[in-house]
Amino acid sequence: MKHSLALFLLSSLIACGSQFDDPSDFDGVPRCGAEDFQYLLGKREAALEGVTLPNPSRVLRPGDVIALDFSPDRLTIDIDGLGLISSITCR
């Protein structure tokens, strides 16, 4: 059941696509507002509670299945194996 849900979510993300389906269309300017969330770096994942994240955004944990599409308008927050926020980027 868990794998079925993961596959469904993955296929849904791929189907949604990005405005930058071709990476060569990207002009190098991030558009997700990651700079506004850098204060969270190094904090526990619980620090995200009550924080309003832009749309689109995603929080990735070790072992998560993700779409590999590049989307400079999507905020991506990575959580490391210790539960700390390790990176905040547009991708």
PDB file of N, CA and C in Angstrom:
ATOM      1  N   MET A   1       0.823  -1.192   0.000  1.00  0.00           N
ATOM      2  CA  MET A   1       0.000   0.000   0.000  1.00  0.00           C
ATOM      3  C   MET A   1       0.869   1.259   0.000  1.00  0.00           C
ATOM      4  N   LYS A   2       1.934   1.243   0.828  1.00  0.00           N
ATOM      5  CA  LYS A   2       2.798   2.410   0.913  1.00  0.00           C
ATOM      6  C   LYS A   2       3.472   2.690  -0.430  1.00  0.00           C
ATOM      7  N   HIS A   3       3.903   1.613  -1.117  1.00  0.00           N
ATOM      8  CA  HIS A   3       4.546   1.792  -2.423  1.00  0.00           C
ATOM      9  C   HIS A   3       3.552   2.322  -3.451  1.00  0.00           C
ATOM     10  N   SER A   4       2.310   1.859  -3.384  1.00  0.00           N
ATOM     11  CA  SER A   4       1.290   2.329  -4.319  1.00  0.00           C
ATOM     12  C   SER A   4       1.059   3.823  -4.153  1.00  0.00           C
ATOM     13  N   LEU A   5       1.003   4.279  -2.903  1.00  0.00           N
ATOM     14  CA  LEU A   5       0.809   5.701  -2.638  1.00  0.00           C
ATOM     15  C   LEU A   5       1.999   6.500  -3.145  1.00  0.00           C
ATOM     16  N   ALA A   6       3.200   6.003  -2.898  1.00  0.00           N
ATOM     17  CA  ALA A   6       4.406   6.702  -3.347  1.00  0.00           C
ATOM     18  C   ALA A   6       4.430   6.804  -4.875  1.00  0.00           C
ATOM     19  N   LEU A   7       4.074   5.717  -5.554  1.00  0.00           N
ATOM     20  CA  LEU A   7       4.055   5.749  -7.020  1.00  0.00           C
ATOM     21  C   LEU A   7       2.996   6.705  -7.539  1.00  0.00           C
ATOM     22  N   PHE A   8       1.836   6.726  -6.880  1.00  0.00           N
ATOM     23  CA  PHE A   8       0.790   7.653  -7.281  1.00  0.00           C
ATOM     24  C   PHE A   8       1.258   9.095  -7.125  1.00  0.00           C
ATOM     25  N   LEU A   9       1.864   9.410  -5.979  1.00  0.00           N
ATOM     26  CA  LEU A   9       2.336  10.772  -5.742  1.00  0.00           C
ATOM     27  C   LEU A   9       3.425  11.155  -6.732  1.00  0.00           C
ATOM     28  N   LEU A  10       4.327  10.225  -7.001  1.00  0.00           N
ATOM     29  CA  LEU A  10       5.397  10.497  -7.952  1.00  0.00           C
ATOM     30  C   LEU A  10       4.844  10.765  -9.343  1.00  0.00           C
ATOM     31  N   SER A  11       3.908   9.931  -9.780  1.00  0.00           N
ATOM     32  CA  SER A  11       3.340  10.137 -11.112  1.00  0.00           C
ATOM     33  C   SER A  11       2.541  11.433 -11.171  1.00  0.00           C
ATOM     34  N   SER A  12       1.899  11.804 -10.066  1.00  0.00           N
ATOM     35  CA  SER A  12       1.159  13.065 -10.024  1.00  0.00           C
ATOM     36  C   SER A  12       2.103  14.249 -10.154  1.00  0.00           C
ATOM     37  N   LEU A  13       3.239  14.176  -9.466  1.00  0.00           N
ATOM     38  CA  LEU A  13       4.211  15.268  -9.540  1.00  0.00           C
ATOM     39  C   LEU A  13       4.775  15.398 -10.946  1.00  0.00           C
ATOM     40  N   ILE A  14       5.066  14.279 -11.553  1.00  0.00           N
ATOM     41  CA  ILE A  14       5.612  14.314 -12.911  1.00  0.00           C
ATOM     42  C   ILE A  14       4.576  14.876 -13.881  1.00  0.00           C
ATOM     43  N   ALA A  15       3.326  14.487 -13.693  1.00  0.00           N
ATOM     44  CA  ALA A  15       2.260  14.961 -14.580  1.00  0.00           C
ATOM     45  C   ALA A  15       2.061  16.465 -14.463  1.00  0.00           C
ATOM     46  N   CYS A  16       2.275  16.997 -13.265  1.00  0.00           N
ATOM     47  CA  CYS A  16       2.096  18.442 -13.061  1.00  0.00           C
ATOM     48  C   CYS A  16       3.138  19.233 -13.846  1.00  0.00           C
ATOM     49  N   GLY A  17       4.329  18.682 -13.938  1.00  0.00           N
ATOM     50  CA  GLY A  17       5.374  19.346 -14.694  1.00  0.00           C
ATOM     51  C   GLY A  17       5.837  20.634 -14.044  1.00  0.00           C
ATOM     52  N   SER A  18       6.569  21.391 -14.780  1.00  0.00           N
ATOM     53  CA  SER A  18       7.122  22.650 -14.324  1.00  0.00           C
ATOM     54  C   SER A  18       7.110  23.614 -15.485  1.00  0.00           C
ATOM     55  N   GLN A  19       7.151  24.900 -15.180  1.00  0.00           N
ATOM     56  CA  GLN A  19       7.216  25.855 -16.266  1.00  0.00           C
ATOM     57  C   GLN A  19       8.581  25.791 -16.942  1.00  0.00           C
ATOM     58  N   PHE A  20       9.531  25.069 -16.338  1.00  0.00           N
ATOM     59  CA  PHE A  20      10.874  24.915 -16.893  1.00  0.00           C
ATOM     60  C   PHE A  20      11.134  23.446 -17.191  1.00  0.00           C
ATOM     61  N   ASP A  21      10.306  22.854 -18.047  1.00  0.00           N
ATOM     62  CA  ASP A  21      10.493  21.455 -18.388  1.00  0.00           C
ATOM     63  C   ASP A  21      11.829  21.225 -19.081  1.00  0.00           C
ATOM     64  N   ASP A  22      12.325  22.228 -19.778  1.00  0.00           N
ATOM     65  CA  ASP A  22      13.625  22.150 -20.421  1.00  0.00           C
ATOM     66  C   ASP A  22      14.584  23.013 -19.613  1.00  0.00           C
ATOM     67  N   PRO A  23      15.567  22.399 -18.925  1.00  0.00           N
ATOM     68  CA  PRO A  23      16.490  23.184 -18.092  1.00  0.00           C
ATOM     69  C   PRO A  23      17.172  24.327 -18.832  1.00  0.00           C
ATOM     70  N   SER A  24      17.274  24.233 -20.157  1.00  0.00           N
ATOM     71  CA  SER A  24      17.915  25.317 -20.909  1.00  0.00           C
ATOM     72  C   SER A  24      17.061  26.589 -20.906  1.00  0.00           C
ATOM     73  N   ASP A  25      15.780  26.472 -20.508  1.00  0.00           N
ATOM     74  CA  ASP A  25      14.914  27.651 -20.415  1.00  0.00           C
ATOM     75  C   ASP A  25      15.199  28.475 -19.161  1.00  0.00           C
ATOM     76  N   PHE A  26      15.902  27.898 -18.194  1.00  0.00           N
ATOM     77  CA  PHE A  26      16.165  28.582 -16.929  1.00  0.00           C
ATOM     78  C   PHE A  26      17.218  29.665 -17.115  1.00  0.00           C
ATOM     79  N   ASP A  27      16.913  30.873 -16.657  1.00  0.00           N
ATOM     80  CA  ASP A  27      17.820  32.006 -16.835  1.00  0.00           C
ATOM     81  C   ASP A  27      18.788  32.194 -15.666  1.00  0.00           C
ATOM     82  N   GLY A  28      18.787  31.273 -14.712  1.00  0.00           N
ATOM     83  CA  GLY A  28      19.724  31.340 -13.597  1.00  0.00           C
ATOM     84  C   GLY A  28      19.213  32.112 -12.396  1.00  0.00           C
ATOM     85  N   VAL A  29      18.000  32.654 -12.466  1.00  0.00           N
ATOM     86  CA  VAL A  29      17.443  33.437 -11.366  1.00  0.00           C
ATOM     87  C   VAL A  29      16.455  32.585 -10.568  1.00  0.00           C
ATOM     88  N   PRO A  30      16.804  32.226  -9.317  1.00  0.00           N
ATOM     89  CA  PRO A  30      15.867  31.461  -8.500  1.00  0.00           C
ATOM     90  C   PRO A  30      14.622  32.295  -8.216  1.00  0.00           C
ATOM     91  N   ARG A  31      13.476  31.643  -8.121  1.00  0.00           N
ATOM     92  CA  ARG A  31      12.220  32.369  -7.962  1.00  0.00           C
ATOM     93  C   ARG A  31      11.382  31.883  -6.788  1.00  0.00           C
ATOM     94  N   CYS A  32      11.950  31.081  -5.907  1.00  0.00           N
ATOM     95  CA  CYS A  32      11.119  30.460  -4.877  1.00  0.00           C
ATOM     96  C   CYS A  32      11.145  31.188  -3.539  1.00  0.00           C
ATOM     97  N   GLY A  33      12.028  32.143  -3.361  1.00  0.00           N
ATOM     98  CA  GLY A  33      12.100  32.872  -2.097  1.00  0.00           C
ATOM     99  C   GLY A  33      12.913  32.170  -1.028  1.00  0.00           C
ATOM    100  N   ALA A  34      13.813  31.263  -1.415  1.00  0.00           N
ATOM    101  CA  ALA A  34      14.620  30.509  -0.447  1.00  0.00           C
ATOM    102  C   ALA A  34      15.374  31.425   0.511  1.00  0.00           C
ATOM    103  N   GLU A  35      15.773  32.592   0.027  1.00  0.00           N
ATOM    104  CA  GLU A  35      16.538  33.514   0.885  1.00  0.00           C
ATOM    105  C   GLU A  35      15.731  33.949   2.108  1.00  0.00           C
ATOM    106  N   ASP A  36      14.422  33.927   2.009  1.00  0.00           N
ATOM    107  CA  ASP A  36      13.568  34.328   3.128  1.00  0.00           C
ATOM    108  C   ASP A  36      13.486  33.280   4.234  1.00  0.00           C
ATOM    109  N   PHE A  37      13.986  32.074   3.965  1.00  0.00           N
ATOM    110  CA  PHE A  37      13.867  30.979   4.922  1.00  0.00           C
ATOM    111  C   PHE A  37      15.220  30.486   5.435  1.00  0.00           C
ATOM    112  N   GLN A  38      16.301  31.164   5.087  1.00  0.00           N
ATOM    113  CA  GLN A  38      17.637  30.725   5.491  1.00  0.00           C
ATOM    114  C   GLN A  38      17.820  30.720   7.011  1.00  0.00           C
ATOM    115  N   TYR A  39      17.035  31.473   7.728  1.00  0.00           N
ATOM    116  CA  TYR A  39      17.136  31.499   9.188  1.00  0.00           C
ATOM    117  C   TYR A  39      16.795  30.139   9.806  1.00  0.00           C
ATOM    118  N   LEU A  40      16.181  29.252   9.036  1.00  0.00           N
ATOM    119  CA  LEU A  40      15.805  27.924   9.525  1.00  0.00           C
ATOM    120  C   LEU A  40      16.945  26.907   9.432  1.00  0.00           C
ATOM    121  N   LEU A  41      17.992  27.220   8.692  1.00  0.00           N
ATOM    122  CA  LEU A  41      19.107  26.289   8.526  1.00  0.00           C
ATOM    123  C   LEU A  41      19.679  25.860   9.869  1.00  0.00           C
ATOM    124  N   GLY A  42      19.875  24.545  10.012  1.00  0.00           N
ATOM    125  CA  GLY A  42      20.452  23.997  11.233  1.00  0.00           C
ATOM    126  C   GLY A  42      19.462  23.769  12.356  1.00  0.00           C
ATOM    127  N   LYS A  43      18.231  24.237  12.184  1.00  0.00           N
ATOM    128  CA  LYS A  43      17.212  24.042  13.219  1.00  0.00           C
ATOM    129  C   LYS A  43      16.522  22.696  13.021  1.00  0.00           C
ATOM    130  N   ARG A  44      15.863  22.237  14.075  1.00  0.00           N
ATOM    131  CA  ARG A  44      15.097  20.993  14.005  1.00  0.00           C
ATOM    132  C   ARG A  44      13.909  21.162  13.062  1.00  0.00           C
ATOM    133  N   GLU A  45      13.478  20.056  12.481  1.00  0.00           N
ATOM    134  CA  GLU A  45      12.349  20.061  11.561  1.00  0.00           C
ATOM    135  C   GLU A  45      11.113  20.699  12.186  1.00  0.00           C
ATOM    136  N   ALA A  46      10.946  20.558  13.491  1.00  0.00           N
ATOM    137  CA  ALA A  46       9.789  21.132  14.191  1.00  0.00           C
ATOM    138  C   ALA A  46       9.718  22.645  14.020  1.00  0.00           C
ATOM    139  N   ALA A  47      10.836  23.285  13.665  1.00  0.00           N
ATOM    140  CA  ALA A  47      10.840  24.735  13.444  1.00  0.00           C
ATOM    141  C   ALA A  47       9.950  25.131  12.275  1.00  0.00           C
ATOM    142  N   LEU A  48       9.605  24.161  11.419  1.00  0.00           N
ATOM    143  CA  LEU A  48       8.732  24.444  10.273  1.00  0.00           C
ATOM    144  C   LEU A  48       7.271  24.580  10.678  1.00  0.00           C
ATOM    145  N   GLU A  49       6.923  24.076  11.874  1.00  0.00           N
ATOM    146  CA  GLU A  49       5.534  24.177  12.333  1.00  0.00           C
ATOM    147  C   GLU A  49       5.169  25.655  12.473  1.00  0.00           C
ATOM    148  N   GLY A  50       4.089  26.025  11.892  1.00  0.00           N
ATOM    149  CA  GLY A  50       3.640  27.408  11.962  1.00  0.00           C
ATOM    150  C   GLY A  50       4.247  28.315  10.915  1.00  0.00           C
ATOM    151  N   VAL A  51       5.197  27.804  10.121  1.00  0.00           N
ATOM    152  CA  VAL A  51       5.808  28.589   9.053  1.00  0.00           C
ATOM    153  C   VAL A  51       4.980  28.379   7.789  1.00  0.00           C
ATOM    154  N   THR A  52       4.557  29.453   7.175  1.00  0.00           N
ATOM    155  CA  THR A  52       3.810  29.360   5.926  1.00  0.00           C
ATOM    156  C   THR A  52       4.803  29.301   4.775  1.00  0.00           C
ATOM    157  N   LEU A  53       4.807  28.164   4.089  1.00  0.00           N
ATOM    158  CA  LEU A  53       5.709  27.969   2.957  1.00  0.00           C
ATOM    159  C   LEU A  53       5.001  28.366   1.674  1.00  0.00           C
ATOM    160  N   PRO A  54       5.749  28.881   0.709  1.00  0.00           N
ATOM    161  CA  PRO A  54       5.127  29.264  -0.565  1.00  0.00           C
ATOM    162  C   PRO A  54       4.674  28.028  -1.336  1.00  0.00           C
ATOM    163  N   ASN A  55       3.848  28.263  -2.321  1.00  0.00           N
ATOM    164  CA  ASN A  55       3.399  27.196  -3.189  1.00  0.00           C
ATOM    165  C   ASN A  55       4.004  27.442  -4.566  1.00  0.00           C
ATOM    166  N   PRO A  56       4.759  26.525  -5.118  1.00  0.00           N
ATOM    167  CA  PRO A  56       4.995  25.164  -4.663  1.00  0.00           C
ATOM    168  C   PRO A  56       6.187  25.081  -3.715  1.00  0.00           C
ATOM    169  N   SER A  57       6.126  24.112  -2.817  1.00  0.00           N
ATOM    170  CA  SER A  57       7.241  23.818  -1.927  1.00  0.00           C
ATOM    171  C   SER A  57       7.182  22.348  -1.558  1.00  0.00           C
ATOM    172  N   ARG A  58       8.309  21.850  -1.051  1.00  0.00           N
ATOM    173  CA  ARG A  58       8.365  20.468  -0.576  1.00  0.00           C
ATOM    174  C   ARG A  58       9.417  20.361   0.512  1.00  0.00           C
ATOM    175  N   VAL A  59       9.183  19.437   1.427  1.00  0.00           N
ATOM    176  CA  VAL A  59      10.119  19.121   2.494  1.00  0.00           C
ATOM    177  C   VAL A  59      10.558  17.683   2.255  1.00  0.00           C
ATOM    178  N   LEU A  60      11.857  17.492   2.087  1.00  0.00           N
ATOM    179  CA  LEU A  60      12.397  16.173   1.765  1.00  0.00           C
ATOM    180  C   LEU A  60      13.160  15.601   2.939  1.00  0.00           C
ATOM    181  N   ARG A  61      12.854  14.350   3.239  1.00  0.00           N
ATOM    182  CA  ARG A  61      13.518  13.628   4.320  1.00  0.00           C
ATOM    183  C   ARG A  61      14.298  12.464   3.720  1.00  0.00           C
ATOM    184  N   PRO A  62      15.301  11.954   4.453  1.00  0.00           N
ATOM    185  CA  PRO A  62      16.060  10.812   3.935  1.00  0.00           C
ATOM    186  C   PRO A  62      15.122   9.670   3.536  1.00  0.00           C
ATOM    187  N   GLY A  63      15.350   9.125   2.364  1.00  0.00           N
ATOM    188  CA  GLY A  63      14.546   8.007   1.888  1.00  0.00           C
ATOM    189  C   GLY A  63      13.292   8.397   1.129  1.00  0.00           C
ATOM    190  N   ASP A  64      12.951   9.690   1.089  1.00  0.00           N
ATOM    191  CA  ASP A  64      11.770  10.118   0.334  1.00  0.00           C
ATOM    192  C   ASP A  64      11.968   9.859  -1.155  1.00  0.00           C
ATOM    193  N   VAL A  65      10.904   9.474  -1.805  1.00  0.00           N
ATOM    194  CA  VAL A  65      10.900   9.325  -3.256  1.00  0.00           C
ATOM    195  C   VAL A  65      10.499  10.676  -3.828  1.00  0.00           C
ATOM    196  N   ILE A  66      11.310  11.191  -4.749  1.00  0.00           N
ATOM    197  CA  ILE A  66      11.016  12.516  -5.301  1.00  0.00           C
ATOM    198  C   ILE A  66      11.105  12.502  -6.818  1.00  0.00           C
ATOM    199  N   ALA A  67      10.409  13.445  -7.406  1.00  0.00           N
ATOM    200  CA  ALA A  67      10.547  13.690  -8.841  1.00  0.00           C
ATOM    201  C   ALA A  67      11.854  14.450  -9.045  1.00  0.00           C
ATOM    202  N   LEU A  68      12.544  14.151 -10.093  1.00  0.00           N
ATOM    203  CA  LEU A  68      13.835  14.787 -10.341  1.00  0.00           C
ATOM    204  C   LEU A  68      13.742  15.981 -11.277  1.00  0.00           C
ATOM    205  N   ASP A  69      12.519  16.445 -11.531  1.00  0.00           N
ATOM    206  CA  ASP A  69      12.377  17.612 -12.393  1.00  0.00           C
ATOM    207  C   ASP A  69      12.944  18.845 -11.698  1.00  0.00           C
ATOM    208  N   PHE A  70      13.471  19.761 -12.477  1.00  0.00           N
ATOM    209  CA  PHE A  70      14.013  21.000 -11.940  1.00  0.00           C
ATOM    210  C   PHE A  70      12.957  22.084 -12.036  1.00  0.00           C
ATOM    211  N   SER A  71      12.688  22.730 -10.918  1.00  0.00           N
ATOM    212  CA  SER A  71      11.694  23.791 -10.898  1.00  0.00           C
ATOM    213  C   SER A  71      12.221  24.939 -10.029  1.00  0.00           C
ATOM    214  N   PRO A  72      12.793  25.984 -10.640  1.00  0.00           N
ATOM    215  CA  PRO A  72      13.381  27.070  -9.863  1.00  0.00           C
ATOM    216  C   PRO A  72      12.353  27.879  -9.080  1.00  0.00           C
ATOM    217  N   ASP A  73      11.072  27.627  -9.312  1.00  0.00           N
ATOM    218  CA  ASP A  73      10.043  28.329  -8.550  1.00  0.00           C
ATOM    219  C   ASP A  73       9.528  27.494  -7.377  1.00  0.00           C
ATOM    220  N   ARG A  74      10.128  26.312  -7.132  1.00  0.00           N
ATOM    221  CA  ARG A  74       9.693  25.437  -6.036  1.00  0.00           C
ATOM    222  C   ARG A  74      10.709  25.492  -4.898  1.00  0.00           C
ATOM    223  N   LEU A  75      10.251  25.869  -3.714  1.00  0.00           N
ATOM    224  CA  LEU A  75      11.083  25.861  -2.520  1.00  0.00           C
ATOM    225  C   LEU A  75      11.266  24.420  -2.072  1.00  0.00           C
ATOM    226  N   THR A  76      12.508  24.022  -1.868  1.00  0.00           N
ATOM    227  CA  THR A  76      12.815  22.668  -1.402  1.00  0.00           C
ATOM    228  C   THR A  76      13.620  22.769  -0.119  1.00  0.00           C
ATOM    229  N   ILE A  77      13.103  22.148   0.931  1.00  0.00           N
ATOM    230  CA  ILE A  77      13.765  22.114   2.232  1.00  0.00           C
ATOM    231  C   ILE A  77      14.181  20.675   2.495  1.00  0.00           C
ATOM    232  N   ASP A  78      15.478  20.474   2.722  1.00  0.00           N
ATOM    233  CA  ASP A  78      16.004  19.140   2.995  1.00  0.00           C
ATOM    234  C   ASP A  78      16.212  18.960   4.498  1.00  0.00           C
ATOM    235  N   ILE A  79      15.746  17.812   4.992  1.00  0.00           N
ATOM    236  CA  ILE A  79      15.929  17.430   6.389  1.00  0.00           C
ATOM    237  C   ILE A  79      16.957  16.299   6.405  1.00  0.00           C
ATOM    238  N   ASP A  80      17.959  16.389   7.265  1.00  0.00           N
ATOM    239  CA  ASP A  80      18.979  15.336   7.304  1.00  0.00           C
ATOM    240  C   ASP A  80      18.560  14.195   8.235  1.00  0.00           C
ATOM    241  N   GLY A  81      19.416  13.205   8.373  1.00  0.00           N
ATOM    242  CA  GLY A  81      19.131  12.026   9.176  1.00  0.00           C
ATOM    243  C   GLY A  81      18.968  12.306  10.655  1.00  0.00           C
ATOM    244  N   LEU A  82      19.414  13.457  11.116  1.00  0.00           N
ATOM    245  CA  LEU A  82      19.262  13.831  12.524  1.00  0.00           C
ATOM    246  C   LEU A  82      18.013  14.679  12.768  1.00  0.00           C
ATOM    247  N   GLY A  83      17.258  14.934  11.688  1.00  0.00           N
ATOM    248  CA  GLY A  83      16.053  15.750  11.808  1.00  0.00           C
ATOM    249  C   GLY A  83      16.304  17.241  11.768  1.00  0.00           C
ATOM    250  N   LEU A  84      17.480  17.619  11.248  1.00  0.00           N
ATOM    251  CA  LEU A  84      17.841  19.035  11.144  1.00  0.00           C
ATOM    252  C   LEU A  84      17.635  19.524   9.714  1.00  0.00           C
ATOM    253  N   ILE A  85      17.309  20.779   9.572  1.00  0.00           N
ATOM    254  CA  ILE A  85      17.156  21.390   8.247  1.00  0.00           C
ATOM    255  C   ILE A  85      18.565  21.634   7.701  1.00  0.00           C
ATOM    256  N   SER A  86      18.889  20.929   6.625  1.00  0.00           N
ATOM    257  CA  SER A  86      20.270  20.962   6.106  1.00  0.00           C
ATOM    258  C   SER A  86      20.431  21.839   4.875  1.00  0.00           C
ATOM    259  N   SER A  87      19.355  22.080   4.129  1.00  0.00           N
ATOM    260  CA  SER A  87      19.451  23.001   2.996  1.00  0.00           C
ATOM    261  C   SER A  87      18.078  23.543   2.649  1.00  0.00           C
ATOM    262  N   ILE A  88      18.099  24.745   2.097  1.00  0.00           N
ATOM    263  CA  ILE A  88      16.879  25.423   1.644  1.00  0.00           C
ATOM    264  C   ILE A  88      17.221  26.035   0.292  1.00  0.00           C
ATOM    265  N   THR A  89      16.632  25.463  -0.761  1.00  0.00           N
ATOM    266  CA  THR A  89      16.990  25.865  -2.119  1.00  0.00           C
ATOM    267  C   THR A  89      15.757  25.965  -3.008  1.00  0.00           C
ATOM    268  N   CYS A  90      15.975  26.489  -4.184  1.00  0.00           N
ATOM    269  CA  CYS A  90      14.966  26.500  -5.241  1.00  0.00           C
ATOM    270  C   CYS A  90      15.326  25.399  -6.214  1.00  0.00           C
ATOM    271  N   ARG A  91      14.467  24.376  -6.290  1.00  0.00           N
ATOM    272  CA  ARG A  91      14.742  23.295  -7.252  1.00  0.00           C
ATOM    273  C   ARG A  91      13.565  22.373  -7.431  1.00  0.00           C
TER     274      ARG A  91
END
